[in-house]
Amino acid sequence: MKNILLLLAEGFEVFEASVFIDVMGWNLEEGDGTTKLYTGALRKEIKSSFSQRFGVDYVIDEIDVCQFDALAVPGGFEVYGFYNDAYDERFLDLIRKFEAENKIIASICVGALPLGKSGVLAGKKGTTYNNPVRREALSSFGVNVLHQPIVMDDQLITSWNPSTAMNVALLLLENLTTRENADYVRQLMGF
């Protein structure tokens, strides 16, 4: 079984989180059956962008990186507190631990910014939300920012906005299983 941790910051974007839940769930039920997704955050209950409340499986201090094969980090909205959590040292340290264990890390939109701030993207290619402020922020962390929808450098996946979310989740599935399996799940889901 491949275990995926969906790491949520306060103010996370629900759509960007939901694609990981759906793709890994569809794979569990209809694909090769080898993926299970868990959620984690700094607190047991957090709010998304637009103030919906969500409970998570793990508080960040309970997470053992060795139990997981991949990390998924959706983006979020600054006005809803995304960067307060995403730039918290505990959040950043967990990202570093996944990278140190050479685990796949997939991010969507501004989910790339905590990867950048943690240092795991330094000297690598990446992308983020396609506006100048966010692209400059990512560049300030030593990232070679490309103007592309999805960028994969080694085990790190970044993307530029919510429109890329489904493809990022399917790319993560492909890297955890096979291209054939990911294509099968894509077809079943109608994408």
N, C-alpha and C. Protein backbone atom coordinates (compact mmCIF):
# COMPACT_ATOMS: atom_id res chain seq x y z
N MET A 1 0.85 -1.19 0.00
CA MET A 1 0.00 0.00 0.00
C MET A 1 0.89 1.24 0.00
N LYS A 2 0.55 2.19 -0.83
CA LYS A 2 1.25 3.48 -0.89
C LYS A 2 0.43 4.49 -0.09
N ASN A 3 1.02 5.06 0.93
CA ASN A 3 0.34 6.03 1.78
C ASN A 3 0.74 7.44 1.40
N ILE A 4 -0.25 8.29 1.23
CA ILE A 4 -0.03 9.68 0.86
C ILE A 4 -0.52 10.57 1.99
N LEU A 5 0.30 11.55 2.36
CA LEU A 5 -0.11 12.54 3.35
C LEU A 5 -0.51 13.81 2.62
N LEU A 6 -1.75 14.23 2.83
CA LEU A 6 -2.24 15.51 2.31
C LEU A 6 -2.07 16.53 3.42
N LEU A 7 -1.07 17.39 3.28
CA LEU A 7 -0.71 18.36 4.31
C LEU A 7 -1.47 19.67 4.07
N LEU A 8 -2.32 20.01 5.02
CA LEU A 8 -3.21 21.16 4.86
C LEU A 8 -2.81 22.31 5.76
N ALA A 9 -2.76 23.49 5.19
CA ALA A 9 -2.54 24.72 5.95
C ALA A 9 -3.89 25.42 6.09
N GLU A 10 -4.05 26.17 7.16
CA GLU A 10 -5.25 27.00 7.32
C GLU A 10 -5.42 27.82 6.04
N GLY A 11 -6.65 27.90 5.54
CA GLY A 11 -6.90 28.65 4.32
C GLY A 11 -6.59 27.89 3.05
N PHE A 12 -6.40 26.55 3.16
CA PHE A 12 -6.13 25.75 1.96
C PHE A 12 -7.31 25.81 1.00
N GLU A 13 -7.02 25.60 -0.26
CA GLU A 13 -8.08 25.63 -1.27
C GLU A 13 -8.69 24.24 -1.40
N VAL A 14 -9.98 24.15 -1.15
CA VAL A 14 -10.69 22.87 -1.11
C VAL A 14 -10.55 22.10 -2.42
N PHE A 15 -10.73 22.77 -3.54
CA PHE A 15 -10.63 22.08 -4.83
C PHE A 15 -9.25 21.44 -4.99
N GLU A 16 -8.21 22.16 -4.64
CA GLU A 16 -6.86 21.65 -4.80
C GLU A 16 -6.60 20.45 -3.89
N ALA A 17 -7.20 20.43 -2.73
CA ALA A 17 -7.07 19.27 -1.83
C ALA A 17 -7.92 18.11 -2.33
N SER A 18 -9.11 18.43 -2.84
CA SER A 18 -10.07 17.37 -3.20
C SER A 18 -9.58 16.48 -4.33
N VAL A 19 -8.79 17.00 -5.24
CA VAL A 19 -8.33 16.16 -6.36
C VAL A 19 -7.44 15.03 -5.87
N PHE A 20 -6.61 15.30 -4.86
CA PHE A 20 -5.78 14.23 -4.31
C PHE A 20 -6.65 13.17 -3.63
N ILE A 21 -7.67 13.62 -2.90
CA ILE A 21 -8.58 12.70 -2.23
C ILE A 21 -9.30 11.84 -3.26
N ASP A 22 -9.84 12.47 -4.29
CA ASP A 22 -10.59 11.73 -5.30
C ASP A 22 -9.71 10.78 -6.11
N VAL A 23 -8.59 11.25 -6.62
CA VAL A 23 -7.74 10.40 -7.45
C VAL A 23 -7.23 9.20 -6.65
N MET A 24 -6.76 9.43 -5.44
CA MET A 24 -6.25 8.30 -4.65
C MET A 24 -7.40 7.38 -4.22
N GLY A 25 -8.57 7.95 -3.96
CA GLY A 25 -9.74 7.14 -3.62
C GLY A 25 -10.22 6.31 -4.80
N TRP A 26 -10.30 6.93 -5.98
CA TRP A 26 -10.68 6.18 -7.18
C TRP A 26 -9.69 5.05 -7.42
N ASN A 27 -8.40 5.33 -7.22
CA ASN A 27 -7.42 4.28 -7.42
C ASN A 27 -7.61 3.16 -6.41
N LEU A 28 -7.89 3.50 -5.17
CA LEU A 28 -8.10 2.49 -4.13
C LEU A 28 -9.28 1.58 -4.49
N GLU A 29 -10.36 2.17 -4.99
CA GLU A 29 -11.58 1.40 -5.26
C GLU A 29 -11.63 0.79 -6.65
N GLU A 30 -11.11 1.50 -7.66
CA GLU A 30 -11.30 1.06 -9.05
C GLU A 30 -9.99 0.83 -9.81
N GLY A 31 -8.90 1.42 -9.35
CA GLY A 31 -7.61 1.25 -10.01
C GLY A 31 -6.89 0.03 -9.47
N ASP A 32 -5.59 0.15 -9.25
CA ASP A 32 -4.85 -1.01 -8.76
C ASP A 32 -4.97 -1.23 -7.25
N GLY A 33 -5.68 -0.34 -6.57
CA GLY A 33 -5.99 -0.56 -5.15
C GLY A 33 -4.85 -0.32 -4.18
N THR A 34 -3.81 0.40 -4.63
CA THR A 34 -2.60 0.49 -3.80
C THR A 34 -2.37 1.83 -3.12
N THR A 35 -3.34 2.74 -3.14
CA THR A 35 -3.11 4.05 -2.53
C THR A 35 -4.12 4.34 -1.43
N LYS A 36 -3.62 4.94 -0.36
CA LYS A 36 -4.47 5.37 0.76
C LYS A 36 -4.00 6.76 1.16
N LEU A 37 -4.95 7.67 1.30
CA LEU A 37 -4.62 9.05 1.62
C LEU A 37 -5.04 9.39 3.04
N TYR A 38 -4.17 10.13 3.73
CA TYR A 38 -4.42 10.62 5.08
C TYR A 38 -4.20 12.13 5.07
N THR A 39 -4.84 12.82 6.01
CA THR A 39 -4.70 14.27 6.10
C THR A 39 -3.94 14.66 7.36
N GLY A 40 -3.21 15.76 7.27
CA GLY A 40 -2.48 16.28 8.41
C GLY A 40 -2.46 17.80 8.39
N ALA A 41 -2.31 18.39 9.58
CA ALA A 41 -2.27 19.85 9.71
C ALA A 41 -1.65 20.20 11.06
N LEU A 42 -1.47 21.47 11.30
CA LEU A 42 -0.92 21.92 12.58
C LEU A 42 -1.90 21.73 13.73
N ARG A 43 -3.19 21.68 13.40
CA ARG A 43 -4.24 21.49 14.41
C ARG A 43 -5.20 20.41 13.94
N LYS A 44 -5.93 19.83 14.87
CA LYS A 44 -6.87 18.76 14.53
C LYS A 44 -8.03 19.26 13.67
N GLU A 45 -8.40 20.52 13.83
CA GLU A 45 -9.44 21.12 13.00
C GLU A 45 -8.91 22.42 12.41
N ILE A 46 -9.11 22.58 11.11
CA ILE A 46 -8.68 23.82 10.45
C ILE A 46 -9.80 24.30 9.53
N LYS A 47 -9.64 25.53 9.06
CA LYS A 47 -10.59 26.10 8.11
C LYS A 47 -9.91 26.21 6.75
N SER A 48 -10.71 26.00 5.73
CA SER A 48 -10.23 26.17 4.36
C SER A 48 -10.41 27.62 3.95
N SER A 49 -10.00 27.91 2.73
CA SER A 49 -10.40 29.18 2.12
C SER A 49 -11.93 29.20 2.13
N PHE A 50 -12.48 30.33 2.32
CA PHE A 50 -13.94 30.51 2.36
C PHE A 50 -14.56 29.95 3.64
N SER A 51 -13.70 29.60 4.63
CA SER A 51 -14.09 29.33 6.02
C SER A 51 -14.86 28.05 6.31
N GLN A 52 -14.73 27.02 5.48
CA GLN A 52 -15.31 25.73 5.84
C GLN A 52 -14.39 25.05 6.84
N ARG A 53 -14.97 24.33 7.81
CA ARG A 53 -14.17 23.63 8.83
C ARG A 53 -13.92 22.18 8.41
N PHE A 54 -12.70 21.72 8.68
CA PHE A 54 -12.31 20.35 8.36
C PHE A 54 -11.52 19.75 9.51
N GLY A 55 -11.76 18.48 9.79
CA GLY A 55 -10.94 17.72 10.72
C GLY A 55 -9.90 16.94 9.93
N VAL A 56 -8.76 16.65 10.56
CA VAL A 56 -7.69 15.92 9.89
C VAL A 56 -7.37 14.64 10.66
N ASP A 57 -6.69 13.72 9.99
CA ASP A 57 -6.31 12.45 10.61
C ASP A 57 -5.18 12.62 11.62
N TYR A 58 -4.22 13.49 11.29
CA TYR A 58 -3.03 13.65 12.12
C TYR A 58 -2.72 15.12 12.38
N VAL A 59 -2.33 15.41 13.61
CA VAL A 59 -1.70 16.69 13.92
C VAL A 59 -0.23 16.51 13.56
N ILE A 60 0.38 17.55 13.08
CA ILE A 60 1.72 17.47 12.49
C ILE A 60 2.76 16.79 13.39
N ASP A 61 2.65 16.98 14.70
CA ASP A 61 3.62 16.36 15.62
C ASP A 61 3.46 14.85 15.72
N GLU A 62 2.34 14.31 15.25
CA GLU A 62 2.08 12.87 15.29
C GLU A 62 2.56 12.15 14.04
N ILE A 63 3.01 12.88 13.05
CA ILE A 63 3.30 12.30 11.74
C ILE A 63 4.70 11.69 11.71
N ASP A 64 4.75 10.42 11.31
CA ASP A 64 6.01 9.70 11.10
C ASP A 64 6.21 9.59 9.60
N VAL A 65 7.17 10.31 9.07
CA VAL A 65 7.42 10.35 7.62
C VAL A 65 7.64 8.96 7.05
N CYS A 66 8.22 8.06 7.84
CA CYS A 66 8.51 6.70 7.36
C CYS A 66 7.24 5.92 7.01
N GLN A 67 6.10 6.35 7.51
CA GLN A 67 4.84 5.66 7.22
C GLN A 67 4.22 6.10 5.89
N PHE A 68 4.83 7.07 5.23
CA PHE A 68 4.24 7.64 4.01
C PHE A 68 5.19 7.52 2.83
N ASP A 69 4.59 7.44 1.64
CA ASP A 69 5.36 7.34 0.40
C ASP A 69 5.38 8.65 -0.37
N ALA A 70 4.47 9.55 -0.04
CA ALA A 70 4.38 10.82 -0.78
C ALA A 70 3.69 11.87 0.07
N LEU A 71 3.95 13.12 -0.30
CA LEU A 71 3.36 14.28 0.35
C LEU A 71 2.65 15.11 -0.71
N ALA A 72 1.45 15.58 -0.40
CA ALA A 72 0.70 16.47 -1.29
C ALA A 72 0.39 17.76 -0.54
N VAL A 73 0.67 18.90 -1.18
CA VAL A 73 0.48 20.20 -0.55
C VAL A 73 -0.35 21.10 -1.47
N PRO A 74 -1.64 21.26 -1.17
CA PRO A 74 -2.44 22.20 -1.96
C PRO A 74 -2.13 23.63 -1.56
N GLY A 75 -2.44 24.56 -2.44
CA GLY A 75 -2.28 25.97 -2.12
C GLY A 75 -3.46 26.50 -1.34
N GLY A 76 -3.50 27.83 -1.19
CA GLY A 76 -4.58 28.45 -0.44
C GLY A 76 -4.55 29.95 -0.59
N PHE A 77 -5.38 30.61 0.19
CA PHE A 77 -5.52 32.06 0.12
C PHE A 77 -4.87 32.73 1.31
N GLU A 78 -4.06 33.74 1.03
CA GLU A 78 -3.40 34.51 2.08
C GLU A 78 -4.41 35.13 3.04
N VAL A 79 -5.49 35.66 2.53
CA VAL A 79 -6.48 36.35 3.36
C VAL A 79 -7.13 35.40 4.37
N TYR A 80 -7.09 34.10 4.11
CA TYR A 80 -7.64 33.10 5.04
C TYR A 80 -6.56 32.46 5.90
N GLY A 81 -5.34 33.00 5.88
CA GLY A 81 -4.29 32.55 6.79
C GLY A 81 -3.36 31.49 6.26
N PHE A 82 -3.38 31.25 4.96
CA PHE A 82 -2.57 30.16 4.39
C PHE A 82 -1.10 30.24 4.78
N TYR A 83 -0.49 31.40 4.64
CA TYR A 83 0.96 31.49 4.89
C TYR A 83 1.31 31.43 6.37
N ASN A 84 0.35 31.73 7.25
CA ASN A 84 0.62 31.59 8.69
C ASN A 84 0.98 30.14 9.02
N ASP A 85 0.23 29.21 8.46
CA ASP A 85 0.52 27.79 8.68
C ASP A 85 1.62 27.29 7.74
N ALA A 86 1.51 27.62 6.46
CA ALA A 86 2.43 27.08 5.46
C ALA A 86 3.87 27.50 5.70
N TYR A 87 4.08 28.65 6.35
CA TYR A 87 5.43 29.11 6.65
C TYR A 87 5.82 28.84 8.10
N ASP A 88 4.98 28.14 8.85
CA ASP A 88 5.31 27.73 10.21
C ASP A 88 6.47 26.74 10.14
N GLU A 89 7.42 26.85 11.04
CA GLU A 89 8.61 26.01 10.99
C GLU A 89 8.28 24.52 11.07
N ARG A 90 7.24 24.14 11.80
CA ARG A 90 6.86 22.72 11.88
C ARG A 90 6.38 22.20 10.52
N PHE A 91 5.63 23.02 9.81
CA PHE A 91 5.14 22.70 8.47
C PHE A 91 6.32 22.53 7.51
N LEU A 92 7.23 23.51 7.55
CA LEU A 92 8.41 23.49 6.68
C LEU A 92 9.33 22.31 7.00
N ASP A 93 9.49 22.01 8.28
CA ASP A 93 10.36 20.91 8.69
C ASP A 93 9.82 19.57 8.20
N LEU A 94 8.52 19.41 8.22
CA LEU A 94 7.93 18.17 7.72
C LEU A 94 8.20 18.01 6.22
N ILE A 95 8.10 19.09 5.47
CA ILE A 95 8.44 19.05 4.05
C ILE A 95 9.90 18.62 3.87
N ARG A 96 10.78 19.20 4.66
CA ARG A 96 12.21 18.84 4.58
C ARG A 96 12.42 17.36 4.86
N LYS A 97 11.70 16.82 5.83
CA LYS A 97 11.84 15.40 6.18
C LYS A 97 11.41 14.50 5.02
N PHE A 98 10.33 14.86 4.35
CA PHE A 98 9.90 14.07 3.19
C PHE A 98 10.96 14.11 2.10
N GLU A 99 11.50 15.29 1.85
CA GLU A 99 12.53 15.43 0.81
C GLU A 99 13.79 14.67 1.19
N ALA A 100 14.18 14.71 2.45
CA ALA A 100 15.39 14.00 2.91
C ALA A 100 15.25 12.49 2.72
N GLU A 101 14.03 11.99 2.77
CA GLU A 101 13.77 10.56 2.56
C GLU A 101 13.49 10.25 1.09
N ASN A 102 13.70 11.24 0.21
CA ASN A 102 13.52 11.10 -1.23
C ASN A 102 12.11 10.65 -1.61
N LYS A 103 11.13 11.19 -0.90
CA LYS A 103 9.74 10.86 -1.18
C LYS A 103 9.18 11.88 -2.17
N ILE A 104 8.20 11.47 -2.93
CA ILE A 104 7.57 12.36 -3.90
C ILE A 104 6.79 13.44 -3.15
N ILE A 105 6.96 14.68 -3.59
CA ILE A 105 6.21 15.80 -3.03
C ILE A 105 5.51 16.51 -4.19
N ALA A 106 4.19 16.58 -4.11
CA ALA A 106 3.40 17.24 -5.15
C ALA A 106 2.70 18.45 -4.56
N SER A 107 2.81 19.58 -5.23
CA SER A 107 2.13 20.79 -4.77
C SER A 107 1.33 21.40 -5.91
N ILE A 108 0.33 22.15 -5.53
CA ILE A 108 -0.51 22.84 -6.51
C ILE A 108 -0.50 24.33 -6.17
N CYS A 109 -0.34 25.16 -7.21
CA CYS A 109 -0.46 26.61 -7.09
C CYS A 109 0.54 27.14 -6.05
N VAL A 110 0.08 27.93 -5.08
CA VAL A 110 0.99 28.49 -4.08
C VAL A 110 1.44 27.46 -3.05
N GLY A 111 0.99 26.22 -3.18
CA GLY A 111 1.55 25.14 -2.37
C GLY A 111 3.03 24.97 -2.63
N ALA A 112 3.52 25.50 -3.76
CA ALA A 112 4.96 25.46 -4.05
C ALA A 112 5.75 26.41 -3.15
N LEU A 113 5.11 27.45 -2.63
CA LEU A 113 5.85 28.44 -1.83
C LEU A 113 6.39 27.87 -0.52
N PRO A 114 5.64 27.08 0.24
CA PRO A 114 6.28 26.46 1.41
C PRO A 114 7.38 25.48 1.03
N LEU A 115 7.26 24.82 -0.12
CA LEU A 115 8.37 23.98 -0.58
C LEU A 115 9.60 24.84 -0.80
N GLY A 116 9.40 25.99 -1.46
CA GLY A 116 10.51 26.91 -1.69
C GLY A 116 11.09 27.43 -0.40
N LYS A 117 10.24 27.88 0.51
CA LYS A 117 10.72 28.44 1.78
C LYS A 117 11.45 27.39 2.62
N SER A 118 11.02 26.13 2.51
CA SER A 118 11.68 25.06 3.27
C SER A 118 13.08 24.77 2.76
N GLY A 119 13.37 25.19 1.53
CA GLY A 119 14.68 24.95 0.94
C GLY A 119 14.74 23.76 0.01
N VAL A 120 13.69 22.94 -0.06
CA VAL A 120 13.77 21.72 -0.87
C VAL A 120 13.79 22.00 -2.37
N LEU A 121 13.34 23.19 -2.78
CA LEU A 121 13.35 23.55 -4.20
C LEU A 121 14.57 24.39 -4.59
N ALA A 122 15.42 24.73 -3.65
CA ALA A 122 16.58 25.57 -3.96
C ALA A 122 17.43 24.92 -5.05
N GLY A 123 17.72 25.70 -6.10
CA GLY A 123 18.53 25.21 -7.20
C GLY A 123 17.79 24.30 -8.17
N LYS A 124 16.50 24.12 -7.96
CA LYS A 124 15.69 23.26 -8.82
C LYS A 124 14.73 24.10 -9.65
N LYS A 125 14.10 23.45 -10.62
CA LYS A 125 13.07 24.09 -11.43
C LYS A 125 11.73 23.93 -10.74
N GLY A 126 10.89 24.97 -10.85
CA GLY A 126 9.56 24.90 -10.28
C GLY A 126 8.67 25.98 -10.85
N THR A 127 7.43 25.95 -10.44
CA THR A 127 6.47 26.98 -10.84
C THR A 127 5.49 27.18 -9.70
N THR A 128 4.72 28.24 -9.77
CA THR A 128 3.71 28.54 -8.76
C THR A 128 2.62 29.38 -9.41
N TYR A 129 1.70 29.88 -8.62
CA TYR A 129 0.60 30.69 -9.14
C TYR A 129 1.15 31.73 -10.09
N ASN A 130 0.53 31.80 -11.27
CA ASN A 130 1.10 32.61 -12.35
C ASN A 130 0.74 34.09 -12.25
N ASN A 131 1.19 34.70 -11.14
CA ASN A 131 1.18 36.17 -11.07
C ASN A 131 2.56 36.60 -10.59
N PRO A 132 2.98 37.81 -10.92
CA PRO A 132 4.36 38.23 -10.64
C PRO A 132 4.75 38.16 -9.16
N VAL A 133 3.85 38.49 -8.26
CA VAL A 133 4.20 38.50 -6.83
C VAL A 133 4.58 37.10 -6.36
N ARG A 134 3.78 36.10 -6.70
CA ARG A 134 4.05 34.73 -6.25
C ARG A 134 5.26 34.14 -6.97
N ARG A 135 5.42 34.45 -8.23
CA ARG A 135 6.58 33.95 -8.98
C ARG A 135 7.88 34.55 -8.43
N GLU A 136 7.85 35.84 -8.09
CA GLU A 136 9.03 36.48 -7.49
C GLU A 136 9.32 35.89 -6.11
N ALA A 137 8.28 35.59 -5.35
CA ALA A 137 8.48 34.97 -4.03
C ALA A 137 9.17 33.62 -4.19
N LEU A 138 8.72 32.81 -5.14
CA LEU A 138 9.35 31.50 -5.35
C LEU A 138 10.79 31.66 -5.80
N SER A 139 11.04 32.60 -6.69
CA SER A 139 12.39 32.88 -7.16
C SER A 139 13.31 33.30 -6.01
N SER A 140 12.77 34.05 -5.05
CA SER A 140 13.59 34.52 -3.92
C SER A 140 14.10 33.37 -3.05
N PHE A 141 13.49 32.19 -3.19
CA PHE A 141 13.95 31.01 -2.44
C PHE A 141 14.98 30.21 -3.23
N GLY A 142 15.50 30.78 -4.33
CA GLY A 142 16.54 30.11 -5.10
C GLY A 142 16.01 29.12 -6.11
N VAL A 143 14.75 29.26 -6.49
CA VAL A 143 14.13 28.35 -7.45
C VAL A 143 14.23 28.93 -8.85
N ASN A 144 14.55 28.09 -9.82
CA ASN A 144 14.53 28.48 -11.23
C ASN A 144 13.08 28.40 -11.69
N VAL A 145 12.38 29.52 -11.66
CA VAL A 145 10.94 29.55 -11.92
C VAL A 145 10.67 29.49 -13.42
N LEU A 146 9.92 28.48 -13.82
CA LEU A 146 9.54 28.30 -15.22
C LEU A 146 8.09 28.71 -15.40
N HIS A 147 7.78 29.29 -16.54
CA HIS A 147 6.39 29.66 -16.84
C HIS A 147 5.74 28.49 -17.58
N GLN A 148 5.48 27.44 -16.82
CA GLN A 148 4.86 26.22 -17.34
C GLN A 148 3.78 25.77 -16.38
N PRO A 149 2.74 25.09 -16.88
CA PRO A 149 1.65 24.68 -16.00
C PRO A 149 2.08 23.70 -14.91
N ILE A 150 2.90 22.72 -15.25
CA ILE A 150 3.37 21.72 -14.29
C ILE A 150 4.86 21.51 -14.52
N VAL A 151 5.62 21.49 -13.43
CA VAL A 151 7.06 21.25 -13.51
C VAL A 151 7.40 20.13 -12.54
N MET A 152 8.15 19.13 -13.02
CA MET A 152 8.65 18.08 -12.14
C MET A 152 10.16 18.08 -12.22
N ASP A 153 10.81 18.24 -11.08
CA ASP A 153 12.26 18.20 -10.98
C ASP A 153 12.60 17.19 -9.89
N ASP A 154 13.25 16.12 -10.28
CA ASP A 154 13.49 14.99 -9.38
C ASP A 154 12.14 14.50 -8.84
N GLN A 155 11.98 14.48 -7.54
CA GLN A 155 10.74 13.98 -6.93
C GLN A 155 9.78 15.10 -6.56
N LEU A 156 10.00 16.30 -7.06
CA LEU A 156 9.21 17.47 -6.66
C LEU A 156 8.33 17.96 -7.81
N ILE A 157 7.04 18.03 -7.55
CA ILE A 157 6.06 18.47 -8.55
C ILE A 157 5.48 19.81 -8.09
N THR A 158 5.49 20.80 -8.98
CA THR A 158 4.86 22.09 -8.71
C THR A 158 3.95 22.43 -9.88
N SER A 159 2.97 23.29 -9.63
CA SER A 159 2.06 23.69 -10.71
C SER A 159 1.61 25.12 -10.50
N TRP A 160 0.94 25.70 -11.51
CA TRP A 160 0.74 27.14 -11.44
C TRP A 160 -0.65 27.63 -11.06
N ASN A 161 -1.68 26.84 -11.07
CA ASN A 161 -2.99 27.32 -10.60
C ASN A 161 -3.96 26.16 -10.46
N PRO A 162 -5.17 26.40 -9.97
CA PRO A 162 -6.11 25.30 -9.76
C PRO A 162 -6.43 24.49 -11.02
N SER A 163 -6.30 25.09 -12.20
CA SER A 163 -6.61 24.34 -13.43
C SER A 163 -5.69 23.13 -13.62
N THR A 164 -4.56 23.12 -12.96
CA THR A 164 -3.60 22.02 -13.09
C THR A 164 -3.82 20.92 -12.04
N ALA A 165 -4.74 21.14 -11.13
CA ALA A 165 -4.88 20.27 -9.96
C ALA A 165 -5.08 18.80 -10.32
N MET A 166 -6.02 18.50 -11.19
CA MET A 166 -6.29 17.10 -11.53
C MET A 166 -5.07 16.45 -12.16
N ASN A 167 -4.40 17.16 -13.06
CA ASN A 167 -3.21 16.59 -13.70
C ASN A 167 -2.08 16.36 -12.71
N VAL A 168 -1.95 17.22 -11.72
CA VAL A 168 -0.93 17.00 -10.68
C VAL A 168 -1.25 15.75 -9.88
N ALA A 169 -2.51 15.59 -9.48
CA ALA A 169 -2.89 14.41 -8.70
C ALA A 169 -2.68 13.14 -9.51
N LEU A 170 -3.00 13.17 -10.79
CA LEU A 170 -2.79 12.00 -11.64
C LEU A 170 -1.31 11.74 -11.88
N LEU A 171 -0.50 12.79 -11.98
CA LEU A 171 0.96 12.61 -12.10
C LEU A 171 1.53 11.99 -10.83
N LEU A 172 1.03 12.41 -9.69
CA LEU A 172 1.46 11.79 -8.43
C LEU A 172 1.09 10.31 -8.44
N LEU A 173 -0.14 9.99 -8.83
CA LEU A 173 -0.56 8.58 -8.90
C LEU A 173 0.34 7.80 -9.85
N GLU A 174 0.64 8.36 -11.00
CA GLU A 174 1.53 7.70 -11.97
C GLU A 174 2.88 7.39 -11.34
N ASN A 175 3.42 8.33 -10.59
CA ASN A 175 4.73 8.13 -9.97
C ASN A 175 4.69 7.14 -8.81
N LEU A 176 3.53 6.95 -8.22
CA LEU A 176 3.38 5.98 -7.14
C LEU A 176 3.03 4.59 -7.66
N THR A 177 2.42 4.52 -8.85
CA THR A 177 2.01 3.24 -9.42
C THR A 177 2.64 3.09 -10.80
N THR A 178 1.84 3.19 -11.84
CA THR A 178 2.34 3.12 -13.21
C THR A 178 1.57 4.11 -14.08
N ARG A 179 2.12 4.43 -15.23
CA ARG A 179 1.43 5.31 -16.17
C ARG A 179 0.12 4.66 -16.64
N GLU A 180 0.16 3.35 -16.89
CA GLU A 180 -1.03 2.65 -17.34
C GLU A 180 -2.15 2.74 -16.29
N ASN A 181 -1.80 2.56 -15.04
CA ASN A 181 -2.79 2.63 -13.98
C ASN A 181 -3.36 4.05 -13.87
N ALA A 182 -2.49 5.05 -13.91
CA ALA A 182 -2.96 6.44 -13.82
C ALA A 182 -3.86 6.79 -15.01
N ASP A 183 -3.50 6.31 -16.20
CA ASP A 183 -4.34 6.55 -17.38
C ASP A 183 -5.70 5.87 -17.23
N TYR A 184 -5.71 4.68 -16.65
CA TYR A 184 -6.95 3.95 -16.42
C TYR A 184 -7.85 4.73 -15.45
N VAL A 185 -7.28 5.20 -14.36
CA VAL A 185 -8.05 5.99 -13.39
C VAL A 185 -8.54 7.28 -14.04
N ARG A 186 -7.69 7.93 -14.82
CA ARG A 186 -8.09 9.15 -15.55
C ARG A 186 -9.32 8.86 -16.42
N GLN A 187 -9.26 7.76 -17.16
CA GLN A 187 -10.36 7.38 -18.04
C GLN A 187 -11.63 7.11 -17.23
N LEU A 188 -11.51 6.37 -16.15
CA LEU A 188 -12.67 6.07 -15.31
C LEU A 188 -13.32 7.34 -14.77
N MET A 189 -12.48 8.33 -14.44
CA MET A 189 -12.98 9.59 -13.89
C MET A 189 -13.47 10.55 -14.97
N GLY A 190 -13.26 10.19 -16.24
CA GLY A 190 -13.76 11.01 -17.34
C GLY A 190 -12.88 12.17 -17.73
N PHE A 191 -11.59 12.09 -17.40
CA PHE A 191 -10.66 13.18 -17.75
C PHE A 191 -9.76 12.79 -18.90
